Amino acid sequence: MRNREHVDFSESTEEIAPLTEEEKKARLEELKQKMSEKKAKQAILDKEEQKRNEVCLSLISRTHTHIHRHILRSLMAPQLRLRSPAEQDDPAISSKG
């Protein structure tokens, strides 16, 4: 199969007439409508993406908090074992560090 390029434009028999003013206006309105629809669809997609991002950030934040608490508990465990039971229950003593 040969790859043949169209180089002789005199072969074209179809002549394209210029648009009238009414046709130009109609075409412009059509393009504006399409652009408006496209923007509306994109706004919906952006809103959905923002919701997904917020959920992800919330999960990350909760996970970070959980990990942070776990690390603090494991670091504080040896110190809590050394304290008396009264000191462990009293928040004023616990916060004195």
Protein backbone atom coordinates (compact mmCIF):
# COMPACT_ATOMS: atom_id res chain seq x y z
CA MET A 1 0.00 0.00 0.00
CA ARG A 2 1.49 3.32 -1.05
CA ASN A 3 1.44 6.40 1.10
CA ARG A 4 0.25 9.10 -1.28
CA GLU A 5 0.22 12.71 -0.17
CA HIS A 6 -2.24 15.21 -1.50
CA VAL A 7 0.00 17.83 -3.05
CA ASP A 8 -1.97 18.95 -6.07
CA PHE A 9 -4.63 21.18 -4.62
CA SER A 10 -6.09 21.83 -8.03
CA GLU A 11 -7.69 18.38 -7.63
CA SER A 12 -10.04 19.85 -5.03
CA THR A 13 -13.33 20.66 -6.65
CA GLU A 14 -15.17 21.80 -3.55
CA GLU A 15 -15.19 25.53 -3.01
CA ILE A 16 -15.85 26.82 0.48
CA ALA A 17 -17.92 29.97 0.56
CA PRO A 18 -17.18 32.59 3.21
CA LEU A 19 -19.64 32.77 6.08
CA THR A 20 -22.32 35.42 6.14
CA GLU A 21 -22.63 37.71 9.16
CA GLU A 22 -25.58 35.69 10.45
CA GLU A 23 -23.62 32.44 10.07
CA LYS A 24 -20.63 33.99 11.85
CA LYS A 25 -22.86 35.09 14.74
CA ALA A 26 -24.52 31.69 14.92
CA ARG A 27 -21.14 29.93 14.89
CA LEU A 28 -19.81 32.26 17.58
CA GLU A 29 -22.84 31.58 19.79
CA GLU A 30 -22.42 27.86 19.23
CA LEU A 31 -18.77 28.03 20.27
CA LYS A 32 -19.63 30.14 23.33
CA GLN A 33 -22.27 27.59 24.34
CA LYS A 34 -19.80 24.71 23.97
CA MET A 35 -17.21 26.61 26.03
CA SER A 36 -19.77 27.34 28.72
CA GLU A 37 -20.76 23.66 28.92
CA LYS A 38 -17.12 22.64 29.07
CA LYS A 39 -16.45 25.08 31.93
CA ALA A 40 -19.48 23.80 33.84
CA LYS A 41 -18.32 20.19 33.47
CA GLN A 42 -14.82 21.17 34.58
CA ALA A 43 -16.21 22.99 37.62
CA ILE A 44 -18.05 19.81 38.65
CA LEU A 45 -14.90 17.73 38.19
CA ASP A 46 -12.85 20.26 40.17
CA LYS A 47 -15.37 20.18 43.02
CA GLU A 48 -15.28 16.36 43.12
CA GLU A 49 -11.48 16.40 43.11
CA GLN A 50 -11.43 18.93 45.94
CA LYS A 51 -13.71 16.68 48.01
CA ARG A 52 -11.42 13.69 47.40
CA ASN A 53 -8.39 15.79 48.37
CA GLU A 54 -10.10 16.92 51.58
CA VAL A 55 -10.89 13.32 52.50
CA CYS A 56 -7.29 12.30 51.84
CA LEU A 57 -5.94 15.18 53.90
CA SER A 58 -8.28 14.31 56.74
CA LEU A 59 -7.14 10.69 56.69
CA ILE A 60 -3.50 11.75 56.60
CA SER A 61 -4.04 14.11 59.51
CA ARG A 62 -5.79 11.44 61.60
CA THR A 63 -3.09 8.89 60.79
CA HIS A 64 -0.36 11.38 61.68
CA THR A 65 -2.06 12.13 64.99
CA HIS A 66 -2.45 8.43 65.75
CA ILE A 67 1.21 7.72 64.96
CA HIS A 68 2.33 10.74 66.99
CA ARG A 69 0.35 9.56 70.02
CA HIS A 70 1.68 6.03 69.65
CA ILE A 71 5.27 7.28 69.53
CA LEU A 72 4.72 9.52 72.55
CA ARG A 73 3.18 6.64 74.52
CA SER A 74 6.06 4.33 73.68
CA LEU A 75 8.60 7.02 74.61
CA MET A 76 6.79 7.85 77.85
CA ALA A 77 6.14 4.22 78.89
CA PRO A 78 9.47 3.74 80.70
CA GLN A 79 9.02 7.01 82.60
CA LEU A 80 5.46 6.10 83.61
CA ARG A 81 6.58 2.75 84.98
CA LEU A 82 9.01 4.58 87.30
CA ARG A 83 6.29 6.80 88.79
CA SER A 84 4.01 5.81 91.60
CA PRO A 85 0.34 5.09 90.78
CA ALA A 86 -0.72 8.39 92.41
CA GLU A 87 1.63 10.36 90.15
CA GLN A 88 0.32 8.61 87.04
CA ASP A 89 -3.30 9.51 87.89
CA ASP A 90 -2.61 13.15 88.78
CA PRO A 91 -2.49 15.34 85.64
CA ALA A 92 -0.71 18.16 87.49
CA ILE A 93 2.20 15.88 88.30
CA SER A 94 2.23 14.31 84.83
CA SER A 95 2.47 17.69 83.10
CA LYS A 96 5.45 18.78 85.19
CA GLY A 97 7.89 16.78 83.18
